[in-house]
Amino acid sequence: MAKLVVFNKPYDVLCQFRDDSGRETLAKYIQDKNVYPAGRLDRDSEGLLLLTDDGALQHQITHPRHKLAKTYWVQVEGEPDAQALAALRRGVMLNDGMTRPAKVKTIAPPPLWPRSTPVRERKNIPTQWLEIIITEGRNRQVRRMTAAVNHPTLRLVRARIGNWSLDELQPGEARTISVHMPNPGKTANGQCADRSHPTRPKAKRAKQTHPNGKRPRS
């Protein structure tokens, strides 16, 4: 069984346990120093961060090959129109290439906690909340995506990674669960997995006999 810590990372906290500059880190909130983050969340972003003591689970959560869905609640400046939403859905060009298609929809303001540093909003410009689901993990990807369609991100909260979600966790709170990691060498029913192509049994060669009872010479 692998240990998994489900943590609600507060705003302005680094996703590491030490910082030589004296900035706030995970050490203030996570007492178990045998776990490490499975992925990252920017210092100015909030919400779900997963930590584990198991390398295989960390790889399953973070490796792009697994395309694990990540759900973000994003407050953006302005009100994106249908064209901007369509661009986010099909993928936008960033300086490190085109993003994968995303699931994007407008949502009502989610019931969130007050942020320690209030969002800077301009009174003459409205804001809109979006739910954005991506299967990548590029550096500051969601912020760059919304900026690419001219709607800068004001607040970003990660709500879900795969099957794990924040639920009722408040900023700075965590819960620890156990995750069963199946043996990669076995199938779901416990049988040894054979990755080779199946081979058919060799057909027995029929014995040929001569009318006089002797086998013909080949």
Protein backbone atom coordinates (compact mmCIF):
# COMPACT_ATOMS: atom_id res chain seq x y z
CA MET A 1 0.00 0.00 0.00
CA ALA A 2 1.23 3.48 -0.87
CA LYS A 3 0.71 6.49 1.36
CA LEU A 4 -1.03 9.48 -0.25
CA VAL A 5 -1.46 12.85 1.44
CA VAL A 6 -4.30 14.99 0.04
CA PHE A 7 -3.46 18.60 0.90
CA ASN A 8 -5.14 21.96 0.32
CA LYS A 9 -2.19 24.22 -0.40
CA PRO A 10 -2.74 27.80 0.72
CA TYR A 11 -1.86 30.82 -1.40
CA ASP A 12 1.79 31.96 -1.20
CA VAL A 13 3.16 28.58 -0.02
CA LEU A 14 5.99 26.86 -1.89
CA CYS A 15 5.63 23.20 -2.94
CA GLN A 16 8.81 22.18 -1.11
CA PHE A 17 9.91 21.56 2.46
CA ARG A 18 12.86 23.95 2.64
CA ASP A 19 13.59 27.43 1.36
CA ASP A 20 16.81 29.35 1.99
CA SER A 21 14.98 32.67 1.53
CA GLY A 22 12.65 32.10 4.46
CA ARG A 23 9.47 31.80 2.40
CA GLU A 24 6.62 29.65 3.67
CA THR A 25 6.90 25.98 2.69
CA LEU A 26 5.07 22.68 3.14
CA ALA A 27 7.02 22.07 6.36
CA LYS A 28 4.58 24.31 8.23
CA TYR A 29 1.64 22.04 7.33
CA ILE A 30 2.95 18.53 6.53
CA GLN A 31 4.54 16.77 9.49
CA ASP A 32 5.43 13.59 7.61
CA LYS A 33 8.75 14.35 5.92
CA ASN A 34 8.84 10.95 4.18
CA VAL A 35 6.40 12.10 1.51
CA TYR A 36 7.15 14.31 -1.48
CA PRO A 37 4.93 16.22 -3.93
CA ALA A 38 3.50 14.35 -6.90
CA GLY A 39 3.56 17.33 -9.23
CA ARG A 40 3.64 20.98 -8.34
CA LEU A 41 1.36 23.92 -7.75
CA ASP A 42 2.60 27.47 -8.25
CA ARG A 43 3.24 29.63 -5.21
CA ASP A 44 0.44 32.01 -6.23
CA SER A 45 -2.02 29.16 -6.88
CA GLU A 46 -4.16 27.34 -4.34
CA GLY A 47 -5.85 24.03 -3.82
CA LEU A 48 -5.16 20.36 -4.29
CA LEU A 49 -1.62 19.04 -3.94
CA LEU A 50 -0.87 15.32 -3.66
CA LEU A 51 2.15 13.97 -1.79
CA THR A 52 3.28 10.36 -1.61
CA ASP A 53 6.03 8.09 -0.30
CA ASP A 54 5.79 5.78 -3.32
CA GLY A 55 7.73 6.37 -6.53
CA ALA A 56 5.39 4.28 -8.70
CA LEU A 57 2.36 6.25 -7.53
CA GLN A 58 4.20 9.54 -8.04
CA HIS A 59 4.99 8.46 -11.61
CA GLN A 60 1.38 7.44 -12.24
CA ILE A 61 0.11 10.83 -11.10
CA THR A 62 2.64 13.03 -12.88
CA HIS A 63 3.79 11.30 -16.08
CA PRO A 64 2.17 12.81 -19.21
CA ARG A 65 1.69 9.34 -20.67
CA HIS A 66 -1.09 8.64 -18.16
CA LYS A 67 -2.96 11.86 -19.11
CA LEU A 68 -4.43 12.23 -15.63
CA ALA A 69 -7.12 14.92 -15.71
CA LYS A 70 -6.62 18.00 -13.54
CA THR A 71 -9.55 20.30 -12.78
CA TYR A 72 -9.02 24.00 -12.07
CA TRP A 73 -11.39 26.75 -11.01
CA VAL A 74 -10.07 29.90 -12.61
CA GLN A 75 -11.16 33.49 -12.13
CA VAL A 76 -10.22 35.51 -15.20
CA GLU A 77 -10.34 39.15 -16.05
CA GLY A 78 -13.15 40.03 -18.43
CA GLU A 79 -15.87 37.77 -19.79
CA PRO A 80 -14.59 35.28 -22.39
CA ASP A 81 -16.83 35.03 -25.44
CA ALA A 82 -17.65 31.89 -27.41
CA GLN A 83 -14.59 32.36 -29.62
CA ALA A 84 -12.20 32.53 -26.66
CA LEU A 85 -13.76 29.47 -25.01
CA ALA A 86 -13.57 27.53 -28.28
CA ALA A 87 -9.87 28.39 -28.61
CA LEU A 88 -9.16 27.06 -25.11
CA ARG A 89 -11.08 23.88 -25.88
CA ARG A 90 -9.24 23.04 -29.08
CA GLY A 91 -5.80 24.15 -27.81
CA VAL A 92 -3.83 27.38 -27.92
CA MET A 93 -0.29 28.04 -29.09
CA LEU A 94 2.15 28.79 -26.26
CA ASN A 95 5.88 29.44 -26.47
CA ASP A 96 6.50 25.73 -25.83
CA GLY A 97 3.98 24.47 -28.37
CA MET A 98 0.29 23.83 -28.83
CA THR A 99 -1.67 22.69 -25.80
CA ARG A 100 -3.83 19.60 -25.88
CA PRO A 101 -7.59 20.11 -26.17
CA ALA A 102 -9.14 21.07 -22.84
CA LYS A 103 -12.60 20.92 -21.32
CA VAL A 104 -13.71 24.47 -20.55
CA LYS A 105 -16.97 25.95 -19.31
CA THR A 106 -18.14 29.03 -17.45
CA ILE A 107 -19.28 28.44 -13.86
CA ALA A 108 -20.78 30.44 -11.02
CA PRO A 109 -18.27 31.64 -8.41
CA PRO A 110 -17.40 28.49 -6.40
CA PRO A 111 -17.85 28.51 -2.60
CA LEU A 112 -14.21 29.21 -1.73
CA TRP A 113 -12.42 30.48 1.34
CA PRO A 114 -11.20 34.10 1.42
CA ARG A 115 -7.69 34.36 0.02
CA SER A 116 -4.98 35.62 2.35
CA THR A 117 -4.09 38.30 -0.19
CA PRO A 118 -7.26 39.64 -1.89
CA VAL A 119 -7.50 39.43 -5.67
CA ARG A 120 -6.79 42.72 -7.38
CA GLU A 121 -9.85 43.49 -9.43
CA ARG A 122 -10.51 46.58 -11.53
CA LYS A 123 -13.91 48.02 -10.82
CA ASN A 124 -14.65 48.84 -14.44
CA ILE A 125 -13.75 45.34 -15.72
CA PRO A 126 -15.95 42.34 -14.86
CA THR A 127 -14.55 38.91 -14.04
CA GLN A 128 -15.67 35.40 -14.87
CA TRP A 129 -15.04 31.98 -13.30
CA LEU A 130 -14.13 29.07 -15.56
CA GLU A 131 -13.73 25.36 -14.97
CA ILE A 132 -10.75 24.16 -17.00
CA ILE A 133 -9.78 20.48 -17.20
CA ILE A 134 -6.41 19.64 -18.76
CA THR A 135 -4.33 16.49 -19.10
CA GLU A 136 -0.94 18.19 -19.19
CA GLY A 137 1.27 19.74 -16.55
CA ARG A 138 3.37 22.44 -18.19
CA ASN A 139 4.80 25.28 -16.14
CA ARG A 140 2.03 27.81 -15.32
CA GLN A 141 0.01 26.30 -18.15
CA VAL A 142 -3.50 27.43 -17.21
CA ARG A 143 -2.37 31.00 -16.60
CA ARG A 144 -0.61 31.08 -19.95
CA MET A 145 -3.64 29.59 -21.70
CA THR A 146 -6.05 32.24 -20.43
CA ALA A 147 -3.53 34.99 -21.18
CA ALA A 148 -3.25 33.67 -24.76
CA VAL A 149 -6.96 34.43 -25.29
CA ASN A 150 -6.60 37.87 -23.62
CA HIS A 151 -8.19 36.97 -20.28
CA PRO A 152 -5.49 37.02 -17.58
CA THR A 153 -5.95 34.73 -14.58
CA LEU A 154 -6.69 36.51 -11.32
CA ARG A 155 -7.16 33.49 -9.06
CA LEU A 156 -6.47 29.81 -9.66
CA VAL A 157 -7.62 26.90 -7.48
CA ARG A 158 -6.96 23.25 -8.34
CA ALA A 159 -9.99 21.25 -7.28
CA ARG A 160 -9.32 17.72 -8.55
CA ILE A 161 -6.59 15.41 -9.84
CA GLY A 162 -7.92 12.17 -11.32
CA ASN A 163 -10.21 10.66 -8.68
CA TRP A 164 -8.87 12.77 -5.82
CA SER A 165 -10.52 16.06 -4.87
CA LEU A 166 -10.42 18.73 -2.18
CA ASP A 167 -13.85 17.88 -0.78
CA GLU A 168 -14.17 19.73 2.56
CA LEU A 169 -10.47 20.44 3.14
CA GLN A 170 -9.73 24.01 4.12
CA PRO A 171 -6.43 25.77 3.29
CA GLY A 172 -3.59 24.14 5.22
CA GLU A 173 -5.57 20.98 6.01
CA ALA A 174 -4.58 17.50 4.87
CA ARG A 175 -5.84 13.93 5.03
CA THR A 176 -3.80 10.76 4.56
CA ILE A 177 -5.11 7.73 2.70
CA SER A 178 -3.71 4.39 1.57
CA VAL A 179 -3.63 3.56 -2.13
CA HIS A 180 -3.32 0.02 -3.43
CA MET A 181 -0.67 -0.22 -6.14
CA PRO A 182 -1.13 -3.44 -8.15
CA ASN A 183 1.89 -5.55 -9.02
CA PRO A 184 2.74 -4.57 -12.63
CA GLY A 185 3.68 -8.17 -13.32
CA LYS A 186 0.19 -9.45 -12.53
CA THR A 187 -3.23 -8.94 -13.98
CA ALA A 188 -6.23 -7.74 -12.01
CA ASN A 189 -7.17 -11.32 -11.08
CA GLY A 190 -3.69 -12.07 -9.78
CA GLN A 191 -2.56 -14.17 -12.72
CA CYS A 192 0.91 -13.57 -14.09
CA ALA A 193 0.72 -11.25 -17.07
CA ASP A 194 2.20 -12.57 -20.31
CA ARG A 195 3.05 -9.69 -22.62
CA SER A 196 4.23 -11.93 -25.45
CA HIS A 197 2.04 -12.84 -28.39
CA PRO A 198 0.13 -16.09 -27.87
CA THR A 199 1.39 -19.03 -29.83
CA ARG A 200 -0.68 -21.84 -31.18
CA PRO A 201 0.23 -25.38 -30.17
CA LYS A 202 2.11 -27.21 -32.88
CA ALA A 203 -0.06 -29.61 -34.77
CA LYS A 204 1.07 -33.17 -34.61
CA ARG A 205 2.33 -34.43 -37.91
CA ALA A 206 0.16 -37.25 -39.14
CA LYS A 207 1.97 -40.49 -39.73
CA GLN A 208 1.90 -41.58 -43.32
CA THR A 209 2.03 -45.26 -44.06
CA HIS A 210 2.51 -47.26 -47.23
CA PRO A 211 0.05 -49.90 -48.21
CA ASN A 212 2.65 -52.49 -47.26
CA GLY A 213 2.76 -51.01 -43.73
CA LYS A 214 6.11 -49.22 -44.12
CA ARG A 215 6.58 -45.42 -43.87
CA PRO A 216 7.61 -43.83 -47.16
CA ARG A 217 11.07 -42.34 -47.36
CA SER A 218 11.17 -38.56 -47.48
